C-alpha cells in the first residue's frame, strides 16, 4: 500500500511492501466502500485496525436504514433461532460482519484474513498514540453528493439495541483533551530543538554551515 505520511492517506496504487499494521480512522467513511477496500487488503495479507467505527456513515436516511435493519432482525432459523443468523448491534461488529461478507470466510484463506482485522468503537490504547490513516476512495465527502441523505452508524446501532453511544462519546471527549495537551507539549519541545539547532549552527564556520545546509541538516 502506498501511504502518504504527511496526509495519512491510503492510496490506490501499490508501490510499497506491507506495513506491519495499518490503523484506519473510520470516521466519515461510507460503510460499503470502506468494507470493500479493507476486505481486499486483508486477503492480500495486510493487518488492519479500524477505530471510531461508531462514526462510519451510511448512505440513505436514518429512518430508511432502520427499516432495513429491522427487516434484517426478522431473519432467523425458524426451528431454533439460536442457530443464527446472529444480528450484531455494536458498530464495530456491524462493520466486521460487512467485511466478512466480502471474503470467503469459510475457507482457511478467508479465516486467516479475517483474523488480521480488529474493529473498535472510539480509539482505545495503544492506538490513540499511533498514526491513523484514511481511505480517500471511501470518504463520504468525496463519494456522496451534497444533497444526498446519510446517517451515522452509531445512531443506527443506538436505535436497534446498542446502549453505549453516550459512553463512547464521553471517553472520546476525554481522549481529545489528553491528545491536545500532549500535542502542545510536543510542539514546545520541537520549537526548542529548532532554536537550539539554529543557535549551534550560527556558531559554526561558514563552510560547515554550507555543507550541513546542502544535506538538509539545518
N, C-alpha and C. Protein backbone atom coordinates (compact mmCIF):
# COMPACT_ATOMS: atom_id res chain seq x y z
N UNK A 1 0.85 -1.18 0.00
CA UNK A 1 0.00 0.00 0.00
C UNK A 1 0.89 1.23 0.00
N UNK A 2 0.56 2.17 -0.85
CA UNK A 2 1.30 3.42 -0.88
C UNK A 2 0.68 4.38 0.11
N UNK A 3 1.41 4.72 1.16
CA UNK A 3 0.89 5.56 2.22
C UNK A 3 1.63 6.88 2.23
N UNK A 4 0.89 7.97 2.30
CA UNK A 4 1.47 9.30 2.40
C UNK A 4 1.48 9.71 3.86
N UNK A 5 2.65 9.69 4.53
CA UNK A 5 2.69 10.02 5.95
C UNK A 5 2.24 11.44 6.24
N UNK A 6 2.44 12.36 5.29
CA UNK A 6 2.08 13.76 5.54
C UNK A 6 0.57 13.94 5.66
N UNK A 7 -0.18 13.18 4.89
CA UNK A 7 -1.62 13.34 4.90
C UNK A 7 -2.34 12.16 5.54
N UNK A 8 -1.62 11.08 5.85
CA UNK A 8 -2.26 9.92 6.42
C UNK A 8 -3.27 9.30 5.49
N UNK A 9 -2.87 9.01 4.26
CA UNK A 9 -3.80 8.56 3.23
C UNK A 9 -3.35 7.22 2.67
N UNK A 10 -4.28 6.30 2.53
CA UNK A 10 -4.01 5.05 1.82
C UNK A 10 -4.40 5.27 0.37
N UNK A 11 -3.44 5.17 -0.54
CA UNK A 11 -3.68 5.41 -1.96
C UNK A 11 -3.99 4.10 -2.67
N UNK A 12 -4.53 4.22 -3.87
CA UNK A 12 -4.93 3.04 -4.62
C UNK A 12 -3.73 2.32 -5.23
N UNK A 13 -2.66 3.07 -5.55
CA UNK A 13 -1.52 2.46 -6.22
C UNK A 13 -0.71 1.62 -5.24
N UNK A 14 -0.21 0.49 -5.72
CA UNK A 14 0.61 -0.39 -4.89
C UNK A 14 2.07 -0.21 -5.28
N UNK A 15 2.79 0.57 -4.48
CA UNK A 15 4.19 0.80 -4.77
C UNK A 15 5.08 0.44 -3.59
N UNK A 16 4.50 -0.08 -2.49
CA UNK A 16 5.29 -0.40 -1.31
C UNK A 16 4.90 -1.77 -0.78
N UNK A 17 5.80 -2.33 0.03
CA UNK A 17 5.51 -3.60 0.67
C UNK A 17 4.54 -3.36 1.82
N UNK A 18 4.11 -4.43 2.47
CA UNK A 18 3.13 -4.34 3.53
C UNK A 18 3.68 -3.56 4.72
N UNK A 19 2.78 -2.84 5.37
CA UNK A 19 3.09 -2.27 6.68
C UNK A 19 2.84 -3.34 7.74
N UNK A 20 3.47 -3.20 8.89
CA UNK A 20 3.26 -4.17 9.95
C UNK A 20 1.80 -4.17 10.39
N UNK A 21 1.23 -2.96 10.51
CA UNK A 21 -0.16 -2.81 10.91
C UNK A 21 -0.63 -1.43 10.49
N UNK A 22 -1.81 -1.36 9.91
CA UNK A 22 -2.38 -0.09 9.49
C UNK A 22 -3.59 0.22 10.35
N UNK A 23 -3.61 1.41 10.96
CA UNK A 23 -4.74 1.85 11.75
C UNK A 23 -5.54 2.84 10.92
N UNK A 24 -6.80 2.52 10.66
CA UNK A 24 -7.67 3.37 9.85
C UNK A 24 -8.69 4.05 10.75
N UNK A 25 -8.75 5.38 10.66
CA UNK A 25 -9.78 6.14 11.37
C UNK A 25 -11.04 6.09 10.51
N UNK A 26 -12.04 5.32 10.94
CA UNK A 26 -13.22 5.08 10.12
C UNK A 26 -14.19 6.25 10.09
N UNK A 27 -13.94 7.29 10.83
CA UNK A 27 -14.87 8.43 10.89
C UNK A 27 -15.03 9.06 9.51
N UNK A 28 -16.28 9.25 9.08
CA UNK A 28 -16.55 9.93 7.82
C UNK A 28 -16.43 9.06 6.59
N UNK A 29 -16.24 7.74 6.76
CA UNK A 29 -16.17 6.83 5.62
C UNK A 29 -17.53 6.20 5.37
N UNK A 30 -17.79 5.86 4.13
CA UNK A 30 -19.02 5.14 3.78
C UNK A 30 -18.83 3.65 4.06
N UNK A 31 -19.83 3.05 4.66
CA UNK A 31 -19.72 1.68 5.17
C UNK A 31 -19.29 0.68 4.09
N UNK A 32 -20.02 0.61 2.99
CA UNK A 32 -19.73 -0.40 1.98
C UNK A 32 -18.41 -0.18 1.27
N UNK A 33 -18.11 1.07 0.95
CA UNK A 33 -16.86 1.36 0.24
C UNK A 33 -15.65 1.07 1.12
N UNK A 34 -15.72 1.44 2.39
CA UNK A 34 -14.62 1.14 3.30
C UNK A 34 -14.46 -0.36 3.46
N UNK A 35 -15.57 -1.07 3.61
CA UNK A 35 -15.51 -2.53 3.81
C UNK A 35 -14.88 -3.23 2.62
N UNK A 36 -15.18 -2.78 1.39
CA UNK A 36 -14.63 -3.44 0.21
C UNK A 36 -13.13 -3.25 0.11
N UNK A 37 -12.64 -2.05 0.43
CA UNK A 37 -11.20 -1.79 0.39
C UNK A 37 -10.48 -2.60 1.46
N UNK A 38 -11.03 -2.61 2.67
CA UNK A 38 -10.41 -3.34 3.78
C UNK A 38 -10.40 -4.84 3.49
N UNK A 39 -11.49 -5.37 2.96
CA UNK A 39 -11.57 -6.81 2.67
C UNK A 39 -10.47 -7.22 1.68
N UNK A 40 -10.27 -6.41 0.64
CA UNK A 40 -9.24 -6.73 -0.36
C UNK A 40 -7.86 -6.70 0.25
N UNK A 41 -7.58 -5.72 1.10
CA UNK A 41 -6.26 -5.62 1.72
C UNK A 41 -6.02 -6.79 2.69
N UNK A 42 -7.06 -7.19 3.42
CA UNK A 42 -6.92 -8.32 4.33
C UNK A 42 -6.59 -9.60 3.57
N UNK A 43 -7.25 -9.82 2.45
CA UNK A 43 -6.99 -11.01 1.64
C UNK A 43 -5.58 -10.99 1.03
N UNK A 44 -5.04 -9.79 0.85
CA UNK A 44 -3.68 -9.67 0.33
C UNK A 44 -2.61 -9.78 1.41
N UNK A 45 -3.04 -9.95 2.68
CA UNK A 45 -2.07 -10.19 3.74
C UNK A 45 -1.84 -9.04 4.69
N UNK A 46 -2.53 -7.93 4.53
CA UNK A 46 -2.31 -6.77 5.38
C UNK A 46 -3.10 -6.88 6.68
N UNK A 47 -2.50 -6.47 7.79
CA UNK A 47 -3.20 -6.40 9.07
C UNK A 47 -3.78 -5.00 9.24
N UNK A 48 -5.05 -4.90 9.62
CA UNK A 48 -5.74 -3.62 9.67
C UNK A 48 -6.51 -3.51 10.98
N UNK A 49 -6.48 -2.30 11.55
CA UNK A 49 -7.26 -1.97 12.74
C UNK A 49 -8.18 -0.80 12.38
N UNK A 50 -9.47 -0.96 12.65
CA UNK A 50 -10.44 0.10 12.42
C UNK A 50 -10.84 0.71 13.75
N UNK A 51 -10.69 2.03 13.89
CA UNK A 51 -11.10 2.72 15.11
C UNK A 51 -12.19 3.74 14.78
N UNK A 52 -12.92 4.15 15.79
CA UNK A 52 -14.06 5.08 15.66
C UNK A 52 -15.12 4.55 14.69
N UNK A 53 -15.44 3.27 14.84
CA UNK A 53 -16.43 2.65 13.95
C UNK A 53 -17.82 3.25 14.13
N UNK A 54 -18.08 3.85 15.28
CA UNK A 54 -19.41 4.43 15.51
C UNK A 54 -19.66 5.66 14.64
N UNK A 55 -18.61 6.25 14.07
CA UNK A 55 -18.75 7.45 13.24
C UNK A 55 -18.73 7.14 11.74
N UNK A 56 -18.83 5.87 11.38
CA UNK A 56 -18.97 5.50 9.97
C UNK A 56 -20.31 6.02 9.44
N UNK A 57 -20.35 6.41 8.19
CA UNK A 57 -21.59 6.89 7.57
C UNK A 57 -22.20 5.83 6.66
N UNK A 58 -23.51 5.86 6.53
CA UNK A 58 -24.24 5.00 5.62
C UNK A 58 -25.10 5.90 4.74
N UNK A 59 -25.08 5.70 3.43
CA UNK A 59 -25.93 6.50 2.55
C UNK A 59 -27.40 6.14 2.79
N UNK A 60 -28.26 7.15 2.68
CA UNK A 60 -29.67 6.94 2.98
C UNK A 60 -30.01 7.49 4.36
N UNK A 61 -31.26 7.85 4.55
CA UNK A 61 -31.69 8.45 5.82
C UNK A 61 -31.66 7.43 6.94
N UNK A 62 -31.65 7.94 8.17
CA UNK A 62 -31.67 7.06 9.34
C UNK A 62 -32.97 6.25 9.38
N UNK A 63 -34.07 6.88 9.03
CA UNK A 63 -35.36 6.18 9.04
C UNK A 63 -35.34 5.00 8.08
N UNK A 64 -34.83 5.22 6.88
CA UNK A 64 -34.79 4.16 5.87
C UNK A 64 -33.86 3.02 6.29
N UNK A 65 -32.70 3.37 6.81
CA UNK A 65 -31.74 2.33 7.22
C UNK A 65 -32.24 1.55 8.43
N UNK A 66 -32.99 2.21 9.30
CA UNK A 66 -33.56 1.49 10.44
C UNK A 66 -34.61 0.49 9.97
N UNK A 67 -35.42 0.87 9.00
CA UNK A 67 -36.40 -0.07 8.45
C UNK A 67 -35.71 -1.30 7.85
N UNK A 68 -34.61 -1.07 7.13
CA UNK A 68 -33.87 -2.17 6.52
C UNK A 68 -33.28 -3.08 7.60
N UNK A 69 -32.78 -2.46 8.68
CA UNK A 69 -32.17 -3.27 9.73
C UNK A 69 -33.23 -4.06 10.50
N UNK A 70 -34.40 -3.46 10.72
CA UNK A 70 -35.46 -4.19 11.41
C UNK A 70 -35.93 -5.37 10.57
N UNK A 71 -35.91 -5.23 9.25
CA UNK A 71 -36.23 -6.35 8.38
C UNK A 71 -35.16 -7.45 8.51
N UNK A 72 -33.92 -7.03 8.65
CA UNK A 72 -32.82 -7.99 8.85
C UNK A 72 -32.99 -8.73 10.17
N UNK A 73 -33.47 -8.04 11.21
CA UNK A 73 -33.65 -8.68 12.51
C UNK A 73 -34.72 -9.77 12.47
N UNK A 74 -35.63 -9.71 11.52
CA UNK A 74 -36.68 -10.72 11.40
C UNK A 74 -36.13 -12.04 10.86
N UNK A 75 -34.99 -12.01 10.22
CA UNK A 75 -34.44 -13.23 9.61
C UNK A 75 -33.81 -14.11 10.69
N UNK A 76 -34.29 -15.33 10.82
CA UNK A 76 -33.79 -16.24 11.84
C UNK A 76 -34.10 -17.67 11.43
N UNK A 77 -33.48 -18.60 12.11
CA UNK A 77 -33.77 -20.01 11.89
C UNK A 77 -35.10 -20.34 12.57
N UNK A 78 -36.06 -20.78 11.80
CA UNK A 78 -37.41 -20.96 12.32
C UNK A 78 -37.49 -22.04 13.40
N UNK A 79 -36.76 -23.12 13.20
CA UNK A 79 -36.82 -24.23 14.16
C UNK A 79 -36.06 -23.93 15.45
N UNK A 80 -34.95 -23.20 15.33
CA UNK A 80 -34.15 -22.85 16.51
C UNK A 80 -33.39 -21.55 16.24
N UNK A 81 -33.89 -20.40 16.69
CA UNK A 81 -33.22 -19.13 16.41
C UNK A 81 -31.79 -19.04 16.93
N UNK A 82 -31.42 -19.89 17.90
CA UNK A 82 -30.06 -19.86 18.43
C UNK A 82 -29.04 -20.37 17.42
N UNK A 83 -29.50 -20.98 16.34
CA UNK A 83 -28.59 -21.44 15.29
C UNK A 83 -28.17 -20.32 14.35
N UNK A 84 -28.78 -19.13 14.49
CA UNK A 84 -28.41 -18.00 13.63
C UNK A 84 -29.50 -17.71 12.62
N UNK A 85 -29.29 -16.69 11.79
CA UNK A 85 -28.15 -15.77 11.78
C UNK A 85 -28.14 -14.85 13.01
N UNK A 86 -26.95 -14.38 13.35
CA UNK A 86 -26.77 -13.56 14.53
C UNK A 86 -26.75 -12.09 14.13
N UNK A 87 -27.52 -11.28 14.83
CA UNK A 87 -27.70 -9.88 14.47
C UNK A 87 -26.92 -9.00 15.44
N UNK A 88 -25.77 -8.53 15.00
CA UNK A 88 -24.93 -7.69 15.86
C UNK A 88 -25.49 -6.27 15.91
N UNK A 89 -25.40 -5.66 17.09
CA UNK A 89 -25.87 -4.29 17.25
C UNK A 89 -24.74 -3.28 17.34
N UNK A 90 -23.60 -3.67 17.85
CA UNK A 90 -22.48 -2.74 18.03
C UNK A 90 -21.91 -2.32 16.67
N UNK A 91 -21.54 -1.05 16.49
CA UNK A 91 -20.98 -0.60 15.21
C UNK A 91 -19.75 -1.39 14.77
N UNK A 92 -18.87 -1.72 15.73
CA UNK A 92 -17.66 -2.46 15.36
C UNK A 92 -17.99 -3.84 14.83
N UNK A 93 -19.02 -4.47 15.37
CA UNK A 93 -19.41 -5.78 14.90
C UNK A 93 -20.19 -5.71 13.59
N UNK A 94 -20.91 -4.60 13.36
CA UNK A 94 -21.63 -4.45 12.09
C UNK A 94 -20.64 -4.30 10.95
N UNK A 95 -19.60 -3.47 11.12
CA UNK A 95 -18.60 -3.31 10.05
C UNK A 95 -17.80 -4.60 9.90
N UNK A 96 -17.55 -5.31 11.01
CA UNK A 96 -16.83 -6.59 10.95
C UNK A 96 -17.63 -7.60 10.12
N UNK A 97 -18.94 -7.66 10.35
CA UNK A 97 -19.78 -8.60 9.63
C UNK A 97 -19.90 -8.22 8.15
N UNK A 98 -19.92 -6.91 7.88
CA UNK A 98 -19.97 -6.44 6.50
C UNK A 98 -18.71 -6.86 5.74
N UNK A 99 -17.56 -6.70 6.38
CA UNK A 99 -16.29 -7.09 5.75
C UNK A 99 -16.24 -8.61 5.58
N UNK A 100 -16.72 -9.34 6.57
CA UNK A 100 -16.73 -10.81 6.48
C UNK A 100 -17.53 -11.28 5.28
N UNK A 101 -18.62 -10.58 4.97
CA UNK A 101 -19.44 -10.96 3.84
C UNK A 101 -18.79 -10.72 2.50
N UNK A 102 -17.67 -10.00 2.48
CA UNK A 102 -16.97 -9.69 1.24
C UNK A 102 -15.75 -10.57 1.02
N UNK A 103 -15.60 -11.61 1.83
CA UNK A 103 -14.46 -12.51 1.66
C UNK A 103 -14.90 -13.95 1.90
N UNK A 104 -14.17 -14.91 1.37
CA UNK A 104 -14.53 -16.33 1.56
C UNK A 104 -14.19 -16.80 2.96
N UNK A 105 -14.99 -16.38 3.95
CA UNK A 105 -14.62 -16.58 5.35
C UNK A 105 -14.76 -18.03 5.81
N UNK A 106 -15.31 -18.90 4.98
CA UNK A 106 -15.42 -20.31 5.36
C UNK A 106 -14.23 -21.13 4.87
N UNK A 107 -13.30 -20.51 4.16
CA UNK A 107 -12.08 -21.19 3.75
C UNK A 107 -10.94 -20.81 4.69
N UNK A 108 -9.86 -21.55 4.64
CA UNK A 108 -8.72 -21.26 5.51
C UNK A 108 -8.14 -19.89 5.19
N UNK A 109 -8.07 -19.56 3.90
CA UNK A 109 -7.54 -18.25 3.50
C UNK A 109 -8.40 -17.12 4.05
N UNK A 110 -9.73 -17.28 3.95
CA UNK A 110 -10.62 -16.24 4.45
C UNK A 110 -10.58 -16.11 5.96
N UNK A 111 -10.46 -17.22 6.66
CA UNK A 111 -10.38 -17.18 8.12
C UNK A 111 -9.10 -16.50 8.59
N UNK A 112 -7.98 -16.77 7.91
CA UNK A 112 -6.73 -16.11 8.26
C UNK A 112 -6.80 -14.61 7.97
N UNK A 113 -7.46 -14.26 6.88
CA UNK A 113 -7.60 -12.83 6.54
C UNK A 113 -8.46 -12.12 7.58
N UNK A 114 -9.55 -12.76 8.00
CA UNK A 114 -10.44 -12.16 8.98
C UNK A 114 -9.77 -12.00 10.34
N UNK A 115 -8.82 -12.91 10.64
CA UNK A 115 -8.09 -12.83 11.90
C UNK A 115 -7.15 -11.63 11.93
N UNK A 116 -6.84 -11.07 10.75
CA UNK A 116 -5.96 -9.90 10.69
C UNK A 116 -6.72 -8.58 10.87
N UNK A 117 -8.02 -8.66 11.13
CA UNK A 117 -8.85 -7.47 11.28
C UNK A 117 -9.27 -7.29 12.73
N UNK A 118 -9.18 -6.04 13.20
CA UNK A 118 -9.71 -5.68 14.52
C UNK A 118 -10.50 -4.39 14.40
N UNK A 119 -11.65 -4.34 15.06
CA UNK A 119 -12.54 -3.17 14.98
C UNK A 119 -12.87 -2.69 16.39
N UNK A 120 -12.91 -1.37 16.56
CA UNK A 120 -13.18 -0.79 17.87
C UNK A 120 -14.08 0.42 17.76
N UNK A 121 -14.91 0.64 18.79
CA UNK A 121 -15.56 1.93 18.95
C UNK A 121 -14.59 2.84 19.69
N UNK A 122 -14.57 4.12 19.31
CA UNK A 122 -13.61 5.03 19.91
C UNK A 122 -12.20 4.71 19.46
N UNK A 123 -11.21 5.24 20.21
CA UNK A 123 -9.80 4.99 19.89
C UNK A 123 -9.13 4.49 21.16
N UNK A 124 -9.18 3.19 21.44
CA UNK A 124 -8.57 2.66 22.67
C UNK A 124 -7.05 2.65 22.58
N UNK A 125 -6.41 2.55 23.77
CA UNK A 125 -4.96 2.38 23.81
C UNK A 125 -4.61 1.01 23.22
N UNK A 126 -3.47 0.88 22.54
CA UNK A 126 -2.43 1.88 22.29
C UNK A 126 -2.62 2.66 21.00
N UNK A 127 -3.78 2.52 20.35
CA UNK A 127 -3.96 3.12 19.03
C UNK A 127 -4.16 4.63 19.10
N UNK A 128 -4.44 5.16 20.31
CA UNK A 128 -4.58 6.61 20.44
C UNK A 128 -3.24 7.32 20.31
N UNK A 129 -2.13 6.57 20.40
CA UNK A 129 -0.81 7.16 20.27
C UNK A 129 -0.12 6.76 18.96
N UNK A 130 -0.88 6.21 18.02
CA UNK A 130 -0.29 5.77 16.76
C UNK A 130 -0.89 6.55 15.59
N UNK A 131 -0.16 6.54 14.48
CA UNK A 131 -0.59 7.24 13.28
C UNK A 131 -1.83 6.57 12.70
N UNK A 132 -2.86 7.38 12.41
CA UNK A 132 -4.09 6.86 11.82
C UNK A 132 -4.23 7.34 10.39
N UNK A 133 -4.77 6.47 9.55
CA UNK A 133 -4.89 6.73 8.12
C UNK A 133 -6.36 6.88 7.72
N UNK A 134 -6.58 7.37 6.50
CA UNK A 134 -7.92 7.39 5.92
C UNK A 134 -7.86 6.75 4.54
N UNK A 135 -9.02 6.35 4.03
CA UNK A 135 -9.12 5.76 2.70
C UNK A 135 -9.90 6.75 1.82
N UNK A 136 -9.22 7.52 0.96
CA UNK A 136 -9.91 8.58 0.22
C UNK A 136 -11.01 8.09 -0.69
N UNK A 137 -10.86 6.89 -1.27
CA UNK A 137 -11.90 6.39 -2.18
C UNK A 137 -13.15 5.92 -1.43
N UNK A 138 -13.14 6.03 -0.10
CA UNK A 138 -14.32 5.64 0.69
C UNK A 138 -14.88 6.80 1.52
N UNK A 139 -14.29 7.99 1.40
CA UNK A 139 -14.75 9.12 2.20
C UNK A 139 -16.09 9.65 1.69
N UNK A 140 -16.98 9.95 2.63
CA UNK A 140 -18.30 10.45 2.24
C UNK A 140 -18.21 11.77 1.49
N UNK A 141 -17.32 12.67 1.92
CA UNK A 141 -17.23 13.99 1.30
C UNK A 141 -16.74 13.91 -0.14
N UNK A 142 -16.09 12.81 -0.51
CA UNK A 142 -15.58 12.64 -1.87
C UNK A 142 -16.46 11.74 -2.73
N UNK A 143 -17.36 10.97 -2.12
CA UNK A 143 -18.11 9.98 -2.87
C UNK A 143 -19.62 10.18 -2.84
N UNK A 144 -20.12 10.98 -1.91
CA UNK A 144 -21.56 11.16 -1.81
C UNK A 144 -21.92 12.60 -2.19
N UNK A 145 -22.92 12.75 -3.05
CA UNK A 145 -23.35 14.08 -3.45
C UNK A 145 -23.91 14.86 -2.25
N UNK A 146 -23.75 16.18 -2.32
CA UNK A 146 -24.08 17.01 -1.17
C UNK A 146 -25.56 16.94 -0.79
N UNK A 147 -26.44 16.74 -1.76
CA UNK A 147 -27.87 16.74 -1.46
C UNK A 147 -28.39 15.38 -1.02
N UNK A 148 -27.52 14.36 -1.01
CA UNK A 148 -27.95 13.02 -0.63
C UNK A 148 -27.99 12.88 0.90
N UNK A 149 -28.97 12.12 1.37
CA UNK A 149 -29.10 11.89 2.80
C UNK A 149 -28.14 10.80 3.25
N UNK A 150 -27.73 10.87 4.49
CA UNK A 150 -26.86 9.85 5.07
C UNK A 150 -27.13 9.80 6.57
N UNK A 151 -26.64 8.75 7.20
CA UNK A 151 -26.80 8.64 8.65
C UNK A 151 -25.50 8.09 9.24
N UNK A 152 -25.43 8.18 10.56
CA UNK A 152 -24.26 7.72 11.31
C UNK A 152 -24.53 6.33 11.84
N UNK A 153 -23.53 5.46 11.73
CA UNK A 153 -23.71 4.07 12.15
C UNK A 153 -24.01 3.97 13.64
N UNK A 154 -23.40 4.83 14.45
CA UNK A 154 -23.66 4.81 15.89
C UNK A 154 -25.10 5.14 16.22
N UNK A 155 -25.71 6.07 15.45
CA UNK A 155 -27.12 6.42 15.67
C UNK A 155 -28.02 5.24 15.30
N UNK A 156 -27.69 4.56 14.21
CA UNK A 156 -28.47 3.38 13.82
C UNK A 156 -28.37 2.29 14.87
N UNK A 157 -27.17 2.03 15.36
CA UNK A 157 -26.97 1.00 16.37
C UNK A 157 -27.74 1.32 17.65
N UNK A 158 -27.76 2.61 18.02
CA UNK A 158 -28.47 3.02 19.23
C UNK A 158 -29.96 2.74 19.14
N UNK A 159 -30.50 2.73 17.93
CA UNK A 159 -31.94 2.53 17.74
C UNK A 159 -32.31 1.06 17.55
N UNK A 160 -31.31 0.18 17.50
CA UNK A 160 -31.62 -1.25 17.35
C UNK A 160 -31.07 -2.08 18.50
N UNK A 161 -30.62 -1.41 19.59
CA UNK A 161 -30.25 -2.19 20.77
C UNK A 161 -28.88 -1.93 21.35
N UNK A 162 -28.06 -1.08 20.72
CA UNK A 162 -26.73 -0.77 21.27
C UNK A 162 -26.86 0.37 22.26
N UNK A 163 -26.34 0.19 23.49
CA UNK A 163 -26.60 1.14 24.57
C UNK A 163 -25.38 1.92 25.03
N UNK A 164 -24.32 1.96 24.23
CA UNK A 164 -23.07 2.54 24.73
C UNK A 164 -22.62 3.78 23.95
N UNK A 165 -23.50 4.38 23.18
CA UNK A 165 -23.12 5.54 22.38
C UNK A 165 -22.70 6.71 23.27
N UNK A 166 -23.46 6.99 24.33
CA UNK A 166 -23.13 8.09 25.24
C UNK A 166 -21.81 7.84 25.95
N UNK A 167 -21.56 6.60 26.34
CA UNK A 167 -20.30 6.25 27.00
C UNK A 167 -19.12 6.50 26.07
N UNK A 168 -19.22 6.06 24.83
CA UNK A 168 -18.13 6.26 23.86
C UNK A 168 -17.89 7.74 23.62
N UNK A 169 -18.94 8.54 23.56
CA UNK A 169 -18.79 9.98 23.36
C UNK A 169 -18.04 10.61 24.54
N UNK A 170 -18.35 10.19 25.77
CA UNK A 170 -17.64 10.72 26.94
C UNK A 170 -16.17 10.33 26.91
N UNK A 171 -15.89 9.07 26.58
CA UNK A 171 -14.49 8.62 26.52
C UNK A 171 -13.73 9.34 25.41
N UNK A 172 -14.38 9.59 24.28
CA UNK A 172 -13.73 10.31 23.18
C UNK A 172 -13.43 11.75 23.57
N UNK A 173 -14.32 12.38 24.33
CA UNK A 173 -14.07 13.75 24.79
C UNK A 173 -12.84 13.80 25.67
N UNK A 174 -12.71 12.84 26.59
CA UNK A 174 -11.53 12.78 27.46
C UNK A 174 -10.27 12.53 26.65
N UNK A 175 -10.36 11.63 25.68
CA UNK A 175 -9.18 11.33 24.86
C UNK A 175 -8.70 12.56 24.10
N UNK A 176 -9.64 13.33 23.55
CA UNK A 176 -9.26 14.52 22.78
C UNK A 176 -8.60 15.57 23.66
N UNK A 177 -9.05 15.68 24.92
CA UNK A 177 -8.41 16.62 25.86
C UNK A 177 -6.97 16.19 26.13
N UNK A 178 -6.76 14.90 26.37
CA UNK A 178 -5.40 14.39 26.59
C UNK A 178 -4.54 14.57 25.35
N UNK A 179 -5.12 14.33 24.17
CA UNK A 179 -4.36 14.45 22.93
C UNK A 179 -3.93 15.89 22.68
N UNK A 180 -4.81 16.84 23.00
CA UNK A 180 -4.46 18.25 22.81
C UNK A 180 -3.33 18.68 23.73
N UNK A 181 -3.37 18.21 24.99
CA UNK A 181 -2.31 18.53 25.94
C UNK A 181 -0.97 17.93 25.48
N UNK A 182 -1.02 16.69 25.00
CA UNK A 182 0.19 16.03 24.50
C UNK A 182 0.75 16.77 23.29
N UNK A 183 -0.14 17.23 22.41
CA UNK A 183 0.30 17.94 21.21
C UNK A 183 1.02 19.24 21.58
N UNK A 184 0.49 19.97 22.56
CA UNK A 184 1.12 21.23 22.97
C UNK A 184 2.51 20.99 23.52
N UNK A 185 2.66 19.93 24.33
CA UNK A 185 3.98 19.61 24.91
C UNK A 185 4.98 19.26 23.82
N UNK A 186 4.57 18.41 22.88
CA UNK A 186 5.49 18.01 21.80
C UNK A 186 5.85 19.18 20.89
N UNK A 187 4.90 20.10 20.66
CA UNK A 187 5.19 21.28 19.84
C UNK A 187 6.20 22.18 20.52
N UNK A 188 6.09 22.36 21.83
CA UNK A 188 7.05 23.17 22.57
C UNK A 188 8.45 22.55 22.51
N UNK A 189 8.52 21.22 22.65
CA UNK A 189 9.82 20.55 22.57
C UNK A 189 10.43 20.69 21.18
N UNK A 190 9.58 20.58 20.14
CA UNK A 190 10.08 20.71 18.77
C UNK A 190 10.64 22.11 18.51
N UNK A 191 9.95 23.14 19.00
CA UNK A 191 10.41 24.51 18.81
C UNK A 191 11.73 24.76 19.54
N UNK A 192 11.85 24.19 20.75
CA UNK A 192 13.10 24.35 21.50
C UNK A 192 14.27 23.69 20.77
N UNK A 193 14.03 22.51 20.19
CA UNK A 193 15.09 21.82 19.44
C UNK A 193 15.50 22.63 18.22
N UNK A 194 14.52 23.21 17.52
CA UNK A 194 14.84 24.03 16.34
C UNK A 194 15.65 25.26 16.73
N UNK A 195 15.26 25.91 17.83
CA UNK A 195 16.01 27.10 18.28
C UNK A 195 17.43 26.72 18.69
N UNK A 196 17.57 25.56 19.37
CA UNK A 196 18.91 25.12 19.79
C UNK A 196 19.77 24.79 18.57
N UNK A 197 19.16 24.15 17.55
CA UNK A 197 19.91 23.82 16.34
C UNK A 197 20.36 25.07 15.61
N UNK A 198 19.50 26.10 15.54
CA UNK A 198 19.87 27.35 14.89
C UNK A 198 20.99 28.06 15.65
N UNK A 199 20.91 28.00 17.00
CA UNK A 199 21.94 28.65 17.82
C UNK A 199 23.30 27.99 17.60
N UNK A 200 23.32 26.67 17.53
CA UNK A 200 24.58 25.95 17.31
C UNK A 200 25.09 26.20 15.90
N UNK A 201 24.16 26.23 14.93
CA UNK A 201 24.56 26.43 13.54
C UNK A 201 25.18 27.81 13.33
N UNK A 202 24.70 28.81 14.07
CA UNK A 202 25.24 30.16 13.91
C UNK A 202 26.68 30.27 14.39
N UNK A 203 27.12 29.37 15.25
CA UNK A 203 28.48 29.39 15.77
C UNK A 203 29.46 28.62 14.88
N UNK A 204 28.94 27.86 13.91
CA UNK A 204 29.81 27.07 13.04
C UNK A 204 30.46 27.95 11.98
N UNK A 205 31.59 27.53 11.44
CA UNK A 205 32.21 28.24 10.30
C UNK A 205 31.29 28.22 9.08
N UNK A 206 31.46 29.18 8.20
CA UNK A 206 30.60 29.31 7.03
C UNK A 206 30.66 28.06 6.15
N UNK A 207 31.85 27.47 6.00
CA UNK A 207 31.99 26.29 5.15
C UNK A 207 31.19 25.11 5.71
N UNK A 208 31.23 24.96 7.06
CA UNK A 208 30.48 23.87 7.68
C UNK A 208 28.97 24.08 7.56
N UNK A 209 28.55 25.35 7.70
CA UNK A 209 27.11 25.64 7.56
C UNK A 209 26.61 25.34 6.15
N UNK A 210 27.41 25.66 5.15
CA UNK A 210 27.03 25.37 3.77
C UNK A 210 26.93 23.86 3.53
N UNK A 211 27.86 23.11 4.11
CA UNK A 211 27.85 21.67 3.95
C UNK A 211 26.63 21.04 4.61
N UNK A 212 26.30 21.48 5.82
CA UNK A 212 25.13 20.95 6.53
C UNK A 212 23.83 21.34 5.83
N UNK A 213 23.80 22.57 5.29
CA UNK A 213 22.60 23.01 4.57
C UNK A 213 22.39 22.20 3.29
N UNK A 214 23.50 21.78 2.67
CA UNK A 214 23.39 21.00 1.43
C UNK A 214 22.79 19.63 1.67
N UNK A 215 23.03 19.06 2.86
CA UNK A 215 22.49 17.73 3.15
C UNK A 215 21.17 17.83 3.93
N UNK A 216 20.71 19.04 4.18
CA UNK A 216 19.41 19.23 4.83
C UNK A 216 19.44 19.09 6.34
N UNK A 217 20.60 19.20 6.96
CA UNK A 217 20.68 19.06 8.42
C UNK A 217 20.29 20.34 9.14
N UNK A 218 20.40 21.48 8.46
CA UNK A 218 19.98 22.75 9.08
C UNK A 218 19.13 23.52 8.10
